[in-house]
Full PDB file with SEQRES, HELIX, SHEET, SSBOND, CRYST1, ORIGX, SCALE, CONECT and MASTER records, all heavy atoms in Angstrom:
SEQRES   1 A   36  ASN GLY ALA ILE SER LYS ALA GLU ARG GLU ALA ALA GLN          
SEQRES   2 A   36  GLU ALA ARG GLN ALA ARG ARG ALA GLU ARG ALA ALA LYS          
SEQRES   3 A   36  ARG GLY GLU ASN ALA THR ALA ARG GLY GLU                      
HELIX    1 AA1 LYS A    6  LYS A   26  1                                  21    
HELIX    2 AA2 ALA A   31  GLY A   35  1                                   5    
CRYST1    1.000    1.000    1.000  90.00  90.00  90.00 P 1           1          
ORIGX1      1.000000  0.000000  0.000000        0.00000                         
ORIGX2      0.000000  1.000000  0.000000        0.00000                         
ORIGX3      0.000000  0.000000  1.000000        0.00000                         
SCALE1      1.000000  0.000000  0.000000        0.00000                         
SCALE2      0.000000  1.000000  0.000000        0.00000                         
SCALE3      0.000000  0.000000  1.000000        0.00000                         
ATOM      1  N   ASN A   1      -7.384 -54.284  40.329  1.00  0.00           N  
ATOM      2  CA  ASN A   1      -8.428 -55.334  40.329  1.00  0.00           C  
ATOM      3  C   ASN A   1      -9.050 -55.519  39.025  1.00  0.00           C  
ATOM      4  O   ASN A   1      -9.978 -56.320  38.862  1.00  0.00           O  
ATOM      5  CB  ASN A   1      -9.435 -55.137  41.476  1.00  0.00           C  
ATOM      6  CG  ASN A   1     -10.297 -53.924  41.231  1.00  0.00           C  
ATOM      7  OD1 ASN A   1     -10.072 -53.200  40.291  1.00  0.00           O  
ATOM      8  ND2 ASN A   1     -11.335 -53.832  42.070  1.00  0.00           N  
ATOM      9  N   GLY A   2      -8.771 -54.688  38.016  1.00  0.00           N  
ATOM     10  CA  GLY A   2      -9.323 -54.830  36.724  1.00  0.00           C  
ATOM     11  C   GLY A   2     -10.604 -54.033  36.563  1.00  0.00           C  
ATOM     12  O   GLY A   2     -11.227 -54.113  35.357  1.00  0.00           O  
ATOM     13  N   ALA A   3     -11.005 -53.352  37.567  1.00  0.00           N  
ATOM     14  CA  ALA A   3     -12.314 -52.520  37.461  1.00  0.00           C  
ATOM     15  C   ALA A   3     -11.951 -51.104  38.028  1.00  0.00           C  
ATOM     16  O   ALA A   3     -11.186 -50.931  38.848  1.00  0.00           O  
ATOM     17  CB  ALA A   3     -13.363 -53.102  38.310  1.00  0.00           C  
ATOM     18  N   ILE A   4     -12.623 -50.087  37.490  1.00  0.00           N  
ATOM     19  CA  ILE A   4     -12.455 -48.810  37.965  1.00  0.00           C  
ATOM     20  C   ILE A   4     -13.665 -48.451  38.892  1.00  0.00           C  
ATOM     21  O   ILE A   4     -14.811 -48.347  38.427  1.00  0.00           O  
ATOM     22  CB  ILE A   4     -12.441 -47.812  36.728  1.00  0.00           C  
ATOM     23  CG1 ILE A   4     -11.161 -48.159  35.867  1.00  0.00           C  
ATOM     24  CG2 ILE A   4     -12.326 -46.412  37.228  1.00  0.00           C  
ATOM     25  CD1 ILE A   4     -11.047 -47.394  34.533  1.00  0.00           C  
ATOM     26  N   SER A   5     -13.301 -48.146  40.092  1.00  0.00           N  
ATOM     27  CA  SER A   5     -14.386 -47.752  41.102  1.00  0.00           C  
ATOM     28  C   SER A   5     -14.620 -46.296  41.011  1.00  0.00           C  
ATOM     29  O   SER A   5     -13.895 -45.548  40.292  1.00  0.00           O  
ATOM     30  CB  SER A   5     -13.894 -48.025  42.493  1.00  0.00           C  
ATOM     31  OG  SER A   5     -12.831 -47.291  42.831  1.00  0.00           O  
ATOM     32  N   LYS A   6     -15.778 -45.883  41.626  1.00  0.00           N  
ATOM     33  CA  LYS A   6     -16.063 -44.505  41.572  1.00  0.00           C  
ATOM     34  C   LYS A   6     -14.978 -43.635  42.257  1.00  0.00           C  
ATOM     35  O   LYS A   6     -14.622 -42.576  41.718  1.00  0.00           O  
ATOM     36  CB  LYS A   6     -17.455 -44.261  42.311  1.00  0.00           C  
ATOM     37  CG  LYS A   6     -17.821 -42.854  42.428  1.00  0.00           C  
ATOM     38  CD  LYS A   6     -19.225 -42.635  43.135  1.00  0.00           C  
ATOM     39  CE  LYS A   6     -19.663 -41.256  43.157  1.00  0.00           C  
ATOM     40  NZ  LYS A   6     -20.892 -41.029  43.897  1.00  0.00           N  
ATOM     41  N   ALA A   7     -14.406 -44.027  43.384  1.00  0.00           N  
ATOM     42  CA  ALA A   7     -13.340 -43.347  44.023  1.00  0.00           C  
ATOM     43  C   ALA A   7     -12.108 -43.289  43.068  1.00  0.00           C  
ATOM     44  O   ALA A   7     -11.433 -42.163  43.063  1.00  0.00           O  
ATOM     45  CB  ALA A   7     -12.911 -44.116  45.351  1.00  0.00           C  
ATOM     46  N   GLU A   8     -11.740 -44.342  42.325  1.00  0.00           N  
ATOM     47  CA  GLU A   8     -10.639 -44.240  41.422  1.00  0.00           C  
ATOM     48  C   GLU A   8     -10.879 -43.199  40.291  1.00  0.00           C  
ATOM     49  O   GLU A   8     -10.031 -42.495  39.813  1.00  0.00           O  
ATOM     50  CB  GLU A   8     -10.362 -45.611  40.819  1.00  0.00           C  
ATOM     51  CG  GLU A   8      -9.700 -46.600  41.783  1.00  0.00           C  
ATOM     52  CD  GLU A   8      -9.547 -48.004  41.330  1.00  0.00           C  
ATOM     53  OE1 GLU A   8     -10.479 -48.430  40.526  1.00  0.00           O  
ATOM     54  OE2 GLU A   8      -8.655 -48.689  41.680  1.00  0.00           O  
ATOM     55  N   ARG A   9     -12.118 -43.232  39.733  1.00  0.00           N  
ATOM     56  CA  ARG A   9     -12.555 -42.404  38.729  1.00  0.00           C  
ATOM     57  C   ARG A   9     -12.442 -40.911  39.172  1.00  0.00           C  
ATOM     58  O   ARG A   9     -11.881 -40.072  38.534  1.00  0.00           O  
ATOM     59  CB  ARG A   9     -13.957 -42.696  38.246  1.00  0.00           C  
ATOM     60  CG  ARG A   9     -14.340 -42.003  36.996  1.00  0.00           C  
ATOM     61  CD  ARG A   9     -15.679 -42.487  36.338  1.00  0.00           C  
ATOM     62  NE  ARG A   9     -16.691 -42.639  37.360  1.00  0.00           N  
ATOM     63  CZ  ARG A   9     -17.155 -43.760  37.764  1.00  0.00           C  
ATOM     64  NH1 ARG A   9     -16.745 -44.885  37.325  1.00  0.00           N  
ATOM     65  NH2 ARG A   9     -18.121 -43.865  38.734  1.00  0.00           N  
ATOM     66  N   GLU A  10     -12.937 -40.619  40.431  1.00  0.00           N  
ATOM     67  CA  GLU A  10     -12.874 -39.296  40.953  1.00  0.00           C  
ATOM     68  C   GLU A  10     -11.453 -38.827  41.206  1.00  0.00           C  
ATOM     69  O   GLU A  10     -11.104 -37.647  40.968  1.00  0.00           O  
ATOM     70  CB  GLU A  10     -13.750 -39.209  42.199  1.00  0.00           C  
ATOM     71  CG  GLU A  10     -15.268 -39.282  41.910  1.00  0.00           C  
ATOM     72  CD  GLU A  10     -16.056 -39.430  43.180  1.00  0.00           C  
ATOM     73  OE1 GLU A  10     -15.517 -39.644  44.309  1.00  0.00           O  
ATOM     74  OE2 GLU A  10     -17.382 -39.373  43.109  1.00  0.00           O  
ATOM     75  N   ALA A  11     -10.681 -39.756  41.756  1.00  0.00           N  
ATOM     76  CA  ALA A  11      -9.247 -39.436  41.981  1.00  0.00           C  
ATOM     77  C   ALA A  11      -8.548 -39.060  40.668  1.00  0.00           C  
ATOM     78  O   ALA A  11      -7.742 -38.188  40.631  1.00  0.00           O  
ATOM     79  CB  ALA A  11      -8.553 -40.610  42.671  1.00  0.00           C  
ATOM     80  N   ALA A  12      -8.772 -39.795  39.579  1.00  0.00           N  
ATOM     81  CA  ALA A  12      -8.205 -39.663  38.289  1.00  0.00           C  
ATOM     82  C   ALA A  12      -8.617 -38.215  37.792  1.00  0.00           C  
ATOM     83  O   ALA A  12      -7.848 -37.455  37.261  1.00  0.00           O  
ATOM     84  CB  ALA A  12      -8.527 -40.698  37.320  1.00  0.00           C  
ATOM     85  N   GLN A  13      -9.916 -37.961  38.021  1.00  0.00           N  
ATOM     86  CA  GLN A  13     -10.443 -36.580  37.513  1.00  0.00           C  
ATOM     87  C   GLN A  13      -9.803 -35.428  38.216  1.00  0.00           C  
ATOM     88  O   GLN A  13      -9.439 -34.445  37.727  1.00  0.00           O  
ATOM     89  CB  GLN A  13     -12.015 -36.532  37.615  1.00  0.00           C  
ATOM     90  CG  GLN A  13     -12.542 -35.306  37.077  1.00  0.00           C  
ATOM     91  CD  GLN A  13     -14.096 -35.286  37.196  1.00  0.00           C  
ATOM     92  OE1 GLN A  13     -14.727 -36.248  37.741  1.00  0.00           O  
ATOM     93  NE2 GLN A  13     -14.703 -34.217  36.667  1.00  0.00           N  
ATOM     94  N   GLU A  14      -9.669 -35.577  39.576  1.00  0.00           N  
ATOM     95  CA  GLU A  14      -9.021 -34.433  40.478  1.00  0.00           C  
ATOM     96  C   GLU A  14      -7.537 -34.314  40.050  1.00  0.00           C  
ATOM     97  O   GLU A  14      -7.018 -33.249  39.845  1.00  0.00           O  
ATOM     98  CB  GLU A  14      -9.165 -34.940  41.908  1.00  0.00           C  
ATOM     99  CG  GLU A  14     -10.590 -34.786  42.425  1.00  0.00           C  
ATOM    100  CD  GLU A  14     -10.559 -35.196  43.820  1.00  0.00           C  
ATOM    101  OE1 GLU A  14      -9.612 -35.484  44.448  1.00  0.00           O  
ATOM    102  OE2 GLU A  14     -11.777 -35.462  44.358  1.00  0.00           O  
ATOM    103  N   ALA A  15      -6.872 -35.425  39.714  1.00  0.00           N  
ATOM    104  CA  ALA A  15      -5.417 -35.390  39.264  1.00  0.00           C  
ATOM    105  C   ALA A  15      -5.359 -34.719  37.950  1.00  0.00           C  
ATOM    106  O   ALA A  15      -4.496 -33.789  37.673  1.00  0.00           O  
ATOM    107  CB  ALA A  15      -4.848 -36.757  39.274  1.00  0.00           C  
ATOM    108  N   ARG A  16      -6.252 -34.971  37.094  1.00  0.00           N  
ATOM    109  CA  ARG A  16      -6.312 -34.354  35.697  1.00  0.00           C  
ATOM    110  C   ARG A  16      -6.556 -32.852  35.831  1.00  0.00           C  
ATOM    111  O   ARG A  16      -5.872 -32.074  35.235  1.00  0.00           O  
ATOM    112  CB  ARG A  16      -7.357 -35.006  34.830  1.00  0.00           C  
ATOM    113  CG  ARG A  16      -7.337 -34.603  33.397  1.00  0.00           C  
ATOM    114  CD  ARG A  16      -8.165 -35.411  32.513  1.00  0.00           C  
ATOM    115  NE  ARG A  16      -9.444 -35.700  33.041  1.00  0.00           N  
ATOM    116  CZ  ARG A  16      -9.945 -36.922  33.516  1.00  0.00           C  
ATOM    117  NH1 ARG A  16      -9.183 -37.968  33.467  1.00  0.00           N  
ATOM    118  NH2 ARG A  16     -11.213 -37.128  33.974  1.00  0.00           N  
ATOM    119  N   GLN A  17      -7.459 -32.488  36.649  1.00  0.00           N  
ATOM    120  CA  GLN A  17      -7.753 -30.990  36.861  1.00  0.00           C  
ATOM    121  C   GLN A  17      -6.612 -30.353  37.526  1.00  0.00           C  
ATOM    122  O   GLN A  17      -6.313 -29.218  37.169  1.00  0.00           O  
ATOM    123  CB  GLN A  17      -9.086 -30.837  37.746  1.00  0.00           C  
ATOM    124  CG  GLN A  17     -10.326 -31.298  37.028  1.00  0.00           C  
ATOM    125  CD  GLN A  17     -11.488 -31.261  37.857  1.00  0.00           C  
ATOM    126  OE1 GLN A  17     -11.449 -31.438  39.166  1.00  0.00           O  
ATOM    127  NE2 GLN A  17     -12.718 -31.268  37.317  1.00  0.00           N  
ATOM    128  N   ALA A  18      -5.866 -30.984  38.432  1.00  0.00           N  
ATOM    129  CA  ALA A  18      -4.752 -30.358  39.117  1.00  0.00           C  
ATOM    130  C   ALA A  18      -3.613 -30.195  37.994  1.00  0.00           C  
ATOM    131  O   ALA A  18      -2.958 -29.133  38.084  1.00  0.00           O  
ATOM    132  CB  ALA A  18      -4.205 -31.297  40.258  1.00  0.00           C  
ATOM    133  N   ARG A  19      -3.431 -31.142  37.189  1.00  0.00           N  
ATOM    134  CA  ARG A  19      -2.421 -31.008  36.065  1.00  0.00           C  
ATOM    135  C   ARG A  19      -2.752 -29.872  35.132  1.00  0.00           C  
ATOM    136  O   ARG A  19      -1.926 -28.993  34.773  1.00  0.00           O  
ATOM    137  CB  ARG A  19      -2.188 -32.250  35.317  1.00  0.00           C  
ATOM    138  CG  ARG A  19      -1.489 -33.377  36.014  1.00  0.00           C  
ATOM    139  CD  ARG A  19      -1.119 -34.522  35.188  1.00  0.00           C  
ATOM    140  NE  ARG A  19      -2.252 -35.125  34.465  1.00  0.00           N  
ATOM    141  CZ  ARG A  19      -3.014 -36.038  34.906  1.00  0.00           C  
ATOM    142  NH1 ARG A  19      -2.821 -36.636  36.064  1.00  0.00           N  
ATOM    143  NH2 ARG A  19      -4.032 -36.605  34.133  1.00  0.00           N  
ATOM    144  N   ARG A  20      -4.021 -29.728  34.826  1.00  0.00           N  
ATOM    145  CA  ARG A  20      -4.509 -28.626  33.964  1.00  0.00           C  
ATOM    146  C   ARG A  20      -4.203 -27.302  34.619  1.00  0.00           C  
ATOM    147  O   ARG A  20      -3.805 -26.276  33.971  1.00  0.00           O  
ATOM    148  CB  ARG A  20      -5.950 -28.760  33.580  1.00  0.00           C  
ATOM    149  CG  ARG A  20      -6.223 -29.865  32.586  1.00  0.00           C  
ATOM    150  CD  ARG A  20      -7.684 -29.931  32.253  1.00  0.00           C  
ATOM    151  NE  ARG A  20      -7.908 -31.025  31.353  1.00  0.00           N  
ATOM    152  CZ  ARG A  20      -9.062 -31.546  31.157  1.00  0.00           C  
ATOM    153  NH1 ARG A  20     -10.131 -31.103  31.910  1.00  0.00           N  
ATOM    154  NH2 ARG A  20      -9.273 -32.518  30.231  1.00  0.00           N  
ATOM    155  N   ALA A  21      -4.618 -27.191  35.845  1.00  0.00           N  
ATOM    156  CA  ALA A  21      -4.428 -25.937  36.615  1.00  0.00           C  
ATOM    157  C   ALA A  21      -2.904 -25.577  36.741  1.00  0.00           C  
ATOM    158  O   ALA A  21      -2.572 -24.397  36.580  1.00  0.00           O  
ATOM    159  CB  ALA A  21      -4.981 -25.988  38.013  1.00  0.00           C  
ATOM    160  N   GLU A  22      -2.088 -26.562  36.884  1.00  0.00           N  
ATOM    161  CA  GLU A  22      -0.629 -26.322  37.024  1.00  0.00           C  
ATOM    162  C   GLU A  22      -0.075 -25.790  35.690  1.00  0.00           C  
ATOM    163  O   GLU A  22       0.679 -24.837  35.668  1.00  0.00           O  
ATOM    164  CB  GLU A  22       0.018 -27.641  37.410  1.00  0.00           C  
ATOM    165  CG  GLU A  22       1.541 -27.543  37.602  1.00  0.00           C  
ATOM    166  CD  GLU A  22       2.129 -28.797  37.915  1.00  0.00           C  
ATOM    167  OE1 GLU A  22       1.572 -29.569  38.692  1.00  0.00           O  
ATOM    168  OE2 GLU A  22       3.346 -29.086  37.410  1.00  0.00           O  
ATOM    169  N   ARG A  23      -0.493 -26.432  34.618  1.00  0.00           N  
ATOM    170  CA  ARG A  23      -0.071 -25.944  33.288  1.00  0.00           C  
ATOM    171  C   ARG A  23      -0.538 -24.606  33.006  1.00  0.00           C  
ATOM    172  O   ARG A  23       0.184 -23.722  32.435  1.00  0.00           O  
ATOM    173  CB  ARG A  23      -0.482 -26.928  32.140  1.00  0.00           C  
ATOM    174  CG  ARG A  23       0.272 -28.217  32.146  1.00  0.00           C  
ATOM    175  CD  ARG A  23      -0.081 -28.976  30.871  1.00  0.00           C  
ATOM    176  NE  ARG A  23      -1.516 -29.219  30.691  1.00  0.00           N  
ATOM    177  CZ  ARG A  23      -2.081 -30.414  31.127  1.00  0.00           C  
ATOM    178  NH1 ARG A  23      -1.400 -31.190  31.798  1.00  0.00           N  
ATOM    179  NH2 ARG A  23      -3.391 -30.492  30.908  1.00  0.00           N  
ATOM    180  N   ALA A  24      -1.782 -24.251  33.350  1.00  0.00           N  
ATOM    181  CA  ALA A  24      -2.332 -22.946  33.122  1.00  0.00           C  
ATOM    182  C   ALA A  24      -1.576 -21.781  33.989  1.00  0.00           C  
ATOM    183  O   ALA A  24      -1.309 -20.836  33.465  1.00  0.00           O  
ATOM    184  CB  ALA A  24      -3.821 -22.905  33.525  1.00  0.00           C  
ATOM    185  N   ALA A  25      -1.247 -22.326  35.201  1.00  0.00           N  
ATOM    186  CA  ALA A  25      -0.512 -21.389  36.058  1.00  0.00           C  
ATOM    187  C   ALA A  25       0.942 -21.079  35.392  1.00  0.00           C  
ATOM    188  O   ALA A  25       1.381 -19.954  35.460  1.00  0.00           O  
ATOM    189  CB  ALA A  25      -0.313 -21.943  37.393  1.00  0.00           C  
ATOM    190  N   LYS A  26       1.543 -22.093  34.860  1.00  0.00           N  
ATOM    191  CA  LYS A  26       2.859 -21.913  34.258  1.00  0.00           C  
ATOM    192  C   LYS A  26       2.747 -20.973  33.103  1.00  0.00           C  
ATOM    193  O   LYS A  26       3.646 -20.270  32.753  1.00  0.00           O  
ATOM    194  CB  LYS A  26       3.390 -23.255  33.757  1.00  0.00           C  
ATOM    195  CG  LYS A  26       4.118 -24.081  34.732  1.00  0.00           C  
ATOM    196  CD  LYS A  26       4.529 -25.405  34.166  1.00  0.00           C  
ATOM    197  CE  LYS A  26       5.049 -26.276  35.273  1.00  0.00           C  
ATOM    198  NZ  LYS A  26       5.616 -27.541  34.661  1.00  0.00           N  
ATOM    199  N   ARG A  27       1.598 -21.002  32.376  1.00  0.00           N  
ATOM    200  CA  ARG A  27       1.391 -20.093  31.188  1.00  0.00           C  
ATOM    201  C   ARG A  27       0.870 -18.790  31.656  1.00  0.00           C  
ATOM    202  O   ARG A  27       0.648 -17.907  30.845  1.00  0.00           O  
ATOM    203  CB  ARG A  27       0.391 -20.722  30.239  1.00  0.00           C  
ATOM    204  CG  ARG A  27       0.952 -21.919  29.501  1.00  0.00           C  
ATOM    205  CD  ARG A  27      -0.017 -22.374  28.328  1.00  0.00           C  
ATOM    206  NE  ARG A  27      -1.293 -22.793  28.846  1.00  0.00           N  
ATOM    207  CZ  ARG A  27      -1.630 -23.993  29.055  1.00  0.00           C  
ATOM    208  NH1 ARG A  27      -0.779 -24.971  28.878  1.00  0.00           N  
ATOM    209  NH2 ARG A  27      -2.813 -24.315  29.564  1.00  0.00           N  
ATOM    210  N   GLY A  28       0.581 -18.581  32.970  1.00  0.00           N  
ATOM    211  CA  GLY A  28       0.028 -17.401  33.397  1.00  0.00           C  
ATOM    212  C   GLY A  28      -1.360 -17.088  33.093  1.00  0.00           C  
ATOM    213  O   GLY A  28      -1.820 -16.039  32.967  1.00  0.00           O  
ATOM    214  N   GLU A  29      -2.116 -18.144  32.872  1.00  0.00           N  
ATOM    215  CA  GLU A  29      -3.422 -18.098  32.428  1.00  0.00           C  
ATOM    216  C   GLU A  29      -4.430 -18.225  33.659  1.00  0.00           C  
ATOM    217  O   GLU A  29      -4.103 -18.920  34.614  1.00  0.00           O  
ATOM    218  CB  GLU A  29      -3.881 -19.121  31.432  1.00  0.00           C  
ATOM    219  CG  GLU A  29      -3.155 -18.943  30.065  1.00  0.00           C  
ATOM    220  CD  GLU A  29      -3.589 -19.891  29.092  1.00  0.00           C  
ATOM    221  OE1 GLU A  29      -4.158 -21.036  29.502  1.00  0.00           O  
ATOM    222  OE2 GLU A  29      -3.245 -19.781  27.940  1.00  0.00           O  
ATOM    223  N   ASN A  30      -5.538 -17.696  33.497  1.00  0.00           N  
ATOM    224  CA  ASN A  30      -6.697 -17.881  34.497  1.00  0.00           C  
ATOM    225  C   ASN A  30      -7.241 -19.256  34.135  1.00  0.00           C  
ATOM    226  O   ASN A  30      -7.838 -19.451  33.130  1.00  0.00           O  
ATOM    227  CB  ASN A  30      -7.712 -16.791  34.319  1.00  0.00           C  
ATOM    228  CG  ASN A  30      -8.842 -16.912  35.346  1.00  0.00           C  
ATOM    229  OD1 ASN A  30      -9.164 -18.049  35.853  1.00  0.00           O  
ATOM    230  ND2 ASN A  30      -9.442 -15.832  35.593  1.00  0.00           N  
ATOM    231  N   ALA A  31      -7.091 -20.166  35.197  1.00  0.00           N  
ATOM    232  CA  ALA A  31      -7.648 -21.506  34.968  1.00  0.00           C  
ATOM    233  C   ALA A  31      -9.101 -21.563  34.759  1.00  0.00           C  
ATOM    234  O   ALA A  31      -9.543 -22.374  33.901  1.00  0.00           O  
ATOM    235  CB  ALA A  31      -7.237 -22.444  36.070  1.00  0.00           C  
ATOM    236  N   THR A  32      -9.853 -20.743  35.356  1.00  0.00           N  
ATOM    237  CA  THR A  32     -11.341 -20.791  35.193  1.00  0.00           C  
ATOM    238  C   THR A  32     -11.668 -20.383  33.774  1.00  0.00           C  
ATOM    239  O   THR A  32     -12.475 -21.060  33.172  1.00  0.00           O  
ATOM    240  CB  THR A  32     -11.962 -19.832  36.246  1.00  0.00           C  
ATOM    241  OG1 THR A  32     -11.495 -20.238  37.542  1.00  0.00           O  
ATOM    242  CG2 THR A  32     -13.458 -19.901  36.167  1.00  0.00           C  
ATOM    243  N   ALA A  33     -11.107 -19.275  33.296  1.00  0.00           N  
ATOM    244  CA  ALA A  33     -11.437 -18.806  31.966  1.00  0.00           C  
ATOM    245  C   ALA A  33     -10.972 -19.800  30.935  1.00  0.00           C  
ATOM    246  O   ALA A  33     -11.717 -20.143  29.998  1.00  0.00           O  
ATOM    247  CB  ALA A  33     -10.817 -17.496  31.718  1.00  0.00           C  
ATOM    248  N   ARG A  34      -9.870 -20.429  31.114  1.00  0.00           N  
ATOM    249  CA  ARG A  34      -9.453 -21.476  30.161  1.00  0.00           C  
ATOM    250  C   ARG A  34     -10.396 -22.684  30.224  1.00  0.00           C  
ATOM    251  O   ARG A  34     -10.675 -23.250  29.123  1.00  0.00           O  
ATOM    252  CB  ARG A  34      -8.006 -21.969  30.436  1.00  0.00           C  
ATOM    253  CG  ARG A  34      -7.518 -22.908  29.462  1.00  0.00           C  
ATOM    254  CD  ARG A  34      -5.982 -23.017  29.613  1.00  0.00           C  
ATOM    255  NE  ARG A  34      -5.466 -24.101  28.684  1.00  0.00           N  
ATOM    256  CZ  ARG A  34      -5.285 -24.052  27.498  1.00  0.00           C  
ATOM    257  NH1 ARG A  34      -5.534 -22.956  26.843  1.00  0.00           N  
ATOM    258  NH2 ARG A  34      -4.781 -25.058  26.814  1.00  0.00           N  
ATOM    259  N   GLY A  35     -10.803 -23.038  31.375  1.00  0.00           N  
ATOM    260  CA  GLY A  35     -11.697 -24.166  31.548  1.00  0.00           C  
ATOM    261  C   GLY A  35     -13.045 -23.945  30.836  1.00  0.00           C  
ATOM    262  O   GLY A  35     -13.558 -24.805  30.284  1.00  0.00           O  
ATOM    263  N   GLU A  36     -13.476 -22.675  30.970  1.00  0.00           N  
ATOM    264  CA  GLU A  36     -14.789 -22.291  30.263  1.00  0.00           C  
ATOM    265  C   GLU A  36     -14.623 -22.410  28.760  1.00  0.00           C  
ATOM    266  O   GLU A  36     -15.469 -22.901  28.080  1.00  0.00           O  
ATOM    267  CB  GLU A  36     -15.144 -20.916  30.726  1.00  0.00           C  
ATOM    268  CG  GLU A  36     -15.709 -20.867  32.178  1.00  0.00           C  
ATOM    269  CD  GLU A  36     -15.869 -19.395  32.725  1.00  0.00           C  
ATOM    270  OE1 GLU A  36     -15.661 -18.479  31.851  1.00  0.00           O  
ATOM    271  OE2 GLU A  36     -16.253 -19.325  33.928  1.00  0.00           O  
TER     272      GLU A  36                                                      
MASTER        0    0    0    2    0    0    0    6  271    1    0    3          
END                                                                             
């Protein structure tokens, strides 16, 4: 619809965090420590 709703923004953020956690797991890193 040409606008980003709060739900779309939150979904995008969750997807981004999931991708980061997946990459960290592949590298064998602690996602929390890397995030910090």
